[in-house]
């Protein structure tokens, strides 16, 4: 037979083990619930965190108008209007396909028009400074009089 003192010690250690397991189990459950609440960031956040492409020389004939519109942050409508093409049915066509279909006599004209539109959209207006100016200091420094 096991002495009562040893039985009490074993029972106490088992209870302590259950309490530790319960404590960490509840912490894990709480962390799991917090993790499940957080979904992926909205697409707007993903796209606004990435800097837009600025080099129009990277445009290739395999690209589509919507792809270029998202990459360079230029409205697709402006690109289609510059080409004189309806967006309906032409969103999935590459620049090479659009060139073959609408401008077969002028090779690479679609790419050049798209580049020109992007350059025009990216141009900084002449009346505005290109970068934000530094605001003047709030306190004026008195001039030093000799």
C-alpha atoms as a PDB file:
ATOM      1  CA  UNK A   1       0.000   0.000   0.000  1.00  0.00           C
ATOM      2  CA  UNK A   2       1.137   3.533  -0.773  1.00  0.00           C
ATOM      3  CA  UNK A   3       1.610   5.770   2.244  1.00  0.00           C
ATOM      4  CA  UNK A   4      -0.946   8.601   2.490  1.00  0.00           C
ATOM      5  CA  UNK A   5       1.730  11.264   2.325  1.00  0.00           C
ATOM      6  CA  UNK A   6       3.119   9.911  -0.956  1.00  0.00           C
ATOM      7  CA  UNK A   7      -0.426   9.569  -2.362  1.00  0.00           C
ATOM      8  CA  UNK A   8      -1.126  13.218  -1.514  1.00  0.00           C
ATOM      9  CA  UNK A   9       2.119  14.302  -3.176  1.00  0.00           C
ATOM     10  CA  UNK A  10       1.344  12.322  -6.362  1.00  0.00           C
ATOM     11  CA  UNK A  11      -2.213  13.685  -6.469  1.00  0.00           C
ATOM     12  CA  UNK A  12      -0.908  17.223  -5.928  1.00  0.00           C
ATOM     13  CA  UNK A  13       1.640  16.878  -8.750  1.00  0.00           C
ATOM     14  CA  UNK A  14      -1.038  15.503 -11.096  1.00  0.00           C
ATOM     15  CA  UNK A  15      -3.339  18.429 -10.261  1.00  0.00           C
ATOM     16  CA  UNK A  16      -0.458  20.865 -10.767  1.00  0.00           C
ATOM     17  CA  UNK A  17       0.222  19.269 -14.175  1.00  0.00           C
ATOM     18  CA  UNK A  18      -3.437  19.636 -15.156  1.00  0.00           C
ATOM     19  CA  UNK A  19      -3.436  23.277 -14.063  1.00  0.00           C
ATOM     20  CA  UNK A  20      -0.293  24.053 -16.093  1.00  0.00           C
ATOM     21  CA  UNK A  21      -1.701  22.231 -19.143  1.00  0.00           C
ATOM     22  CA  UNK A  22      -5.017  24.084 -18.776  1.00  0.00           C
ATOM     23  CA  UNK A  23      -3.289  27.445 -18.421  1.00  0.00           C
ATOM     24  CA  UNK A  24      -1.186  27.027 -21.557  1.00  0.00           C
ATOM     25  CA  UNK A  25      -4.091  25.418 -23.412  1.00  0.00           C
ATOM     26  CA  UNK A  26      -6.283  28.455 -22.733  1.00  0.00           C
ATOM     27  CA  UNK A  27      -3.474  30.773 -23.841  1.00  0.00           C
ATOM     28  CA  UNK A  28      -3.109  28.801 -27.085  1.00  0.00           C
ATOM     29  CA  UNK A  29      -6.886  28.923 -27.648  1.00  0.00           C
ATOM     30  CA  UNK A  30      -6.926  32.692 -27.120  1.00  0.00           C
ATOM     31  CA  UNK A  31      -3.999  33.165 -29.528  1.00  0.00           C
ATOM     32  CA  UNK A  32      -5.692  30.956 -32.123  1.00  0.00           C
ATOM     33  CA  UNK A  33      -8.900  33.004 -31.920  1.00  0.00           C
ATOM     34  CA  UNK A  34      -6.923  36.238 -32.341  1.00  0.00           C
ATOM     35  CA  UNK A  35      -5.088  34.752 -35.317  1.00  0.00           C
ATOM     36  CA  UNK A  36      -8.352  33.691 -36.960  1.00  0.00           C
ATOM     37  CA  UNK A  37      -9.760  37.235 -36.671  1.00  0.00           C
ATOM     38  CA  UNK A  38      -7.000  38.678 -38.832  1.00  0.00           C
ATOM     39  CA  UNK A  39      -7.546  38.104 -42.530  1.00  0.00           C
ATOM     40  CA  UNK A  40      -5.362  39.114 -45.433  1.00  0.00           C
ATOM     41  CA  UNK A  41      -5.050  42.849 -46.064  1.00  0.00           C
ATOM     42  CA  UNK A  42      -7.548  44.359 -48.500  1.00  0.00           C
ATOM     43  CA  UNK A  43      -6.379  44.582 -52.100  1.00  0.00           C
ATOM     44  CA  UNK A  44      -6.425  48.390 -51.934  1.00  0.00           C
ATOM     45  CA  UNK A  45      -3.792  48.308 -49.203  1.00  0.00           C
ATOM     46  CA  UNK A  46      -1.642  45.857 -51.142  1.00  0.00           C
ATOM     47  CA  UNK A  47      -1.735  47.972 -54.284  1.00  0.00           C
ATOM     48  CA  UNK A  48      -1.178  51.293 -52.536  1.00  0.00           C
ATOM     49  CA  UNK A  49       1.858  50.030 -50.644  1.00  0.00           C
ATOM     50  CA  UNK A  50       3.646  49.134 -53.861  1.00  0.00           C
ATOM     51  CA  UNK A  51       5.219  52.011 -55.714  1.00  0.00           C
ATOM     52  CA  UNK A  52       3.953  52.422 -59.279  1.00  0.00           C
ATOM     53  CA  UNK A  53       6.283  51.655 -62.137  1.00  0.00           C
ATOM     54  CA  UNK A  54       7.643  54.773 -63.851  1.00  0.00           C
ATOM     55  CA  UNK A  55       9.877  53.472 -66.645  1.00  0.00           C
ATOM     56  CA  UNK A  56       7.703  53.218 -69.767  1.00  0.00           C
ATOM     57  CA  UNK A  57      10.516  51.528 -71.664  1.00  0.00           C
ATOM     58  CA  UNK A  58       9.676  48.338 -69.759  1.00  0.00           C
ATOM     59  CA  UNK A  59       6.343  48.016 -71.594  1.00  0.00           C
ATOM     60  CA  UNK A  60       6.293  44.940 -73.844  1.00  0.00           C
ATOM     61  CA  UNK A  61       3.876  43.744 -76.519  1.00  0.00           C
ATOM     62  CA  UNK A  62       2.647  40.771 -74.431  1.00  0.00           C
ATOM     63  CA  UNK A  63       1.123  43.106 -71.803  1.00  0.00           C
ATOM     64  CA  UNK A  64      -2.591  43.903 -71.718  1.00  0.00           C
ATOM     65  CA  UNK A  65      -4.164  47.317 -71.174  1.00  0.00           C
ATOM     66  CA  UNK A  66      -5.574  46.427 -67.702  1.00  0.00           C
ATOM     67  CA  UNK A  67      -2.159  45.090 -66.638  1.00  0.00           C
ATOM     68  CA  UNK A  68      -0.442  48.291 -67.757  1.00  0.00           C
ATOM     69  CA  UNK A  69      -3.183  50.341 -66.114  1.00  0.00           C
ATOM     70  CA  UNK A  70      -2.577  48.689 -62.734  1.00  0.00           C
ATOM     71  CA  UNK A  71       1.208  48.674 -63.019  1.00  0.00           C
ATOM     72  CA  UNK A  72       1.570  52.322 -64.038  1.00  0.00           C
ATOM     73  CA  UNK A  73      -1.574  53.555 -62.223  1.00  0.00           C
ATOM     74  CA  UNK A  74      -3.060  55.088 -65.337  1.00  0.00           C
ATOM     75  CA  UNK A  75      -6.801  54.761 -66.058  1.00  0.00           C
ATOM     76  CA  UNK A  76      -7.467  51.995 -68.578  1.00  0.00           C
ATOM     77  CA  UNK A  77     -10.169  54.196 -70.084  1.00  0.00           C
ATOM     78  CA  UNK A  78      -7.541  56.810 -71.003  1.00  0.00           C
ATOM     79  CA  UNK A  79      -5.409  54.179 -72.725  1.00  0.00           C
ATOM     80  CA  UNK A  80      -8.334  52.783 -74.723  1.00  0.00           C
ATOM     81  CA  UNK A  81      -9.472  56.302 -75.682  1.00  0.00           C
ATOM     82  CA  UNK A  82      -5.987  57.212 -76.901  1.00  0.00           C
ATOM     83  CA  UNK A  83      -5.972  54.116 -79.092  1.00  0.00           C
ATOM     84  CA  UNK A  84      -9.519  54.763 -80.308  1.00  0.00           C
ATOM     85  CA  UNK A  85     -10.512  51.239 -79.298  1.00  0.00           C
ATOM     86  CA  UNK A  86     -13.553  50.092 -77.335  1.00  0.00           C
ATOM     87  CA  UNK A  87     -12.661  48.391 -74.041  1.00  0.00           C
ATOM     88  CA  UNK A  88     -15.444  45.838 -74.514  1.00  0.00           C
ATOM     89  CA  UNK A  89     -13.936  42.593 -75.727  1.00  0.00           C
ATOM     90  CA  UNK A  90     -10.405  43.987 -75.869  1.00  0.00           C
ATOM     91  CA  UNK A  91      -9.388  43.826 -72.192  1.00  0.00           C
ATOM     92  CA  UNK A  92      -7.770  40.409 -72.517  1.00  0.00           C
ATOM     93  CA  UNK A  93      -5.883  41.119 -75.737  1.00  0.00           C
ATOM     94  CA  UNK A  94      -2.187  41.884 -75.632  1.00  0.00           C
ATOM     95  CA  UNK A  95      -0.738  45.012 -77.187  1.00  0.00           C
ATOM     96  CA  UNK A  96       0.572  42.879 -80.067  1.00  0.00           C
ATOM     97  CA  UNK A  97      -2.914  41.482 -80.721  1.00  0.00           C
ATOM     98  CA  UNK A  98      -4.445  44.968 -80.602  1.00  0.00           C
ATOM     99  CA  UNK A  99      -1.787  46.224 -83.007  1.00  0.00           C
ATOM    100  CA  UNK A 100      -2.446  43.367 -85.459  1.00  0.00           C
ATOM    101  CA  UNK A 101      -6.214  43.822 -85.278  1.00  0.00           C
ATOM    102  CA  UNK A 102      -6.575  47.608 -85.368  1.00  0.00           C
ATOM    103  CA  UNK A 103      -3.301  48.935 -86.825  1.00  0.00           C
ATOM    104  CA  UNK A 104      -1.857  46.247 -89.137  1.00  0.00           C
ATOM    105  CA  UNK A 105      -0.161  48.849 -91.352  1.00  0.00           C
ATOM    106  CA  UNK A 106       1.787  50.436 -88.437  1.00  0.00           C
ATOM    107  CA  UNK A 107       3.956  48.046 -86.424  1.00  0.00           C
ATOM    108  CA  UNK A 108       4.548  48.972 -82.763  1.00  0.00           C
ATOM    109  CA  UNK A 109       2.180  51.985 -82.942  1.00  0.00           C
ATOM    110  CA  UNK A 110       0.070  50.679 -80.034  1.00  0.00           C
ATOM    111  CA  UNK A 111       3.092  50.426 -77.730  1.00  0.00           C
ATOM    112  CA  UNK A 112       4.250  53.922 -78.675  1.00  0.00           C
ATOM    113  CA  UNK A 113       0.769  55.399 -78.095  1.00  0.00           C
ATOM    114  CA  UNK A 114       0.488  53.683 -74.712  1.00  0.00           C
ATOM    115  CA  UNK A 115       3.919  54.997 -73.701  1.00  0.00           C
ATOM    116  CA  UNK A 116       2.934  58.522 -74.788  1.00  0.00           C
ATOM    117  CA  UNK A 117      -0.286  58.405 -72.758  1.00  0.00           C
ATOM    118  CA  UNK A 118       1.567  57.210 -69.659  1.00  0.00           C
ATOM    119  CA  UNK A 119       4.192  59.930 -70.046  1.00  0.00           C
ATOM    120  CA  UNK A 120       1.420  62.538 -70.396  1.00  0.00           C
ATOM    121  CA  UNK A 121      -0.391  61.213 -67.316  1.00  0.00           C
ATOM    122  CA  UNK A 122       2.846  61.172 -65.317  1.00  0.00           C
ATOM    123  CA  UNK A 123       3.948  64.675 -66.342  1.00  0.00           C
ATOM    124  CA  UNK A 124       4.032  67.118 -63.446  1.00  0.00           C
ATOM    125  CA  UNK A 125       1.916  70.229 -64.101  1.00  0.00           C
ATOM    126  CA  UNK A 126       4.086  73.299 -64.618  1.00  0.00           C
ATOM    127  CA  UNK A 127       2.162  75.436 -62.119  1.00  0.00           C
ATOM    128  CA  UNK A 128       2.859  73.141 -59.175  1.00  0.00           C
ATOM    129  CA  UNK A 129       6.144  72.357 -57.463  1.00  0.00           C
ATOM    130  CA  UNK A 130       7.309  68.797 -58.106  1.00  0.00           C
ATOM    131  CA  UNK A 131       7.722  68.013 -54.401  1.00  0.00           C
ATOM    132  CA  UNK A 132       5.988  69.327 -51.277  1.00  0.00           C
ATOM    133  CA  UNK A 133       7.687  72.417 -49.913  1.00  0.00           C
ATOM    134  CA  UNK A 134       8.902  72.607 -46.337  1.00  0.00           C
ATOM    135  CA  UNK A 135       6.572  74.743 -44.218  1.00  0.00           C
ATOM    136  CA  UNK A 136       8.125  77.846 -42.668  1.00  0.00           C
ATOM    137  CA  UNK A 137       9.130  77.619 -39.016  1.00  0.00           C
ATOM    138  CA  UNK A 138       6.478  78.532 -36.479  1.00  0.00           C
ATOM    139  CA  UNK A 139       8.680  80.996 -34.615  1.00  0.00           C
ATOM    140  CA  UNK A 140      10.532  83.753 -36.363  1.00  0.00           C
ATOM    141  CA  UNK A 141      14.193  84.197 -35.560  1.00  0.00           C
ATOM    142  CA  UNK A 142      14.969  87.889 -34.955  1.00  0.00           C
ATOM    143  CA  UNK A 143      17.786  89.278 -37.085  1.00  0.00           C
ATOM    144  CA  UNK A 144      21.080  89.881 -35.341  1.00  0.00           C
ATOM    145  CA  UNK A 145      21.877  93.597 -35.171  1.00  0.00           C
ATOM    146  CA  UNK A 146      25.614  94.404 -34.750  1.00  0.00           C
END
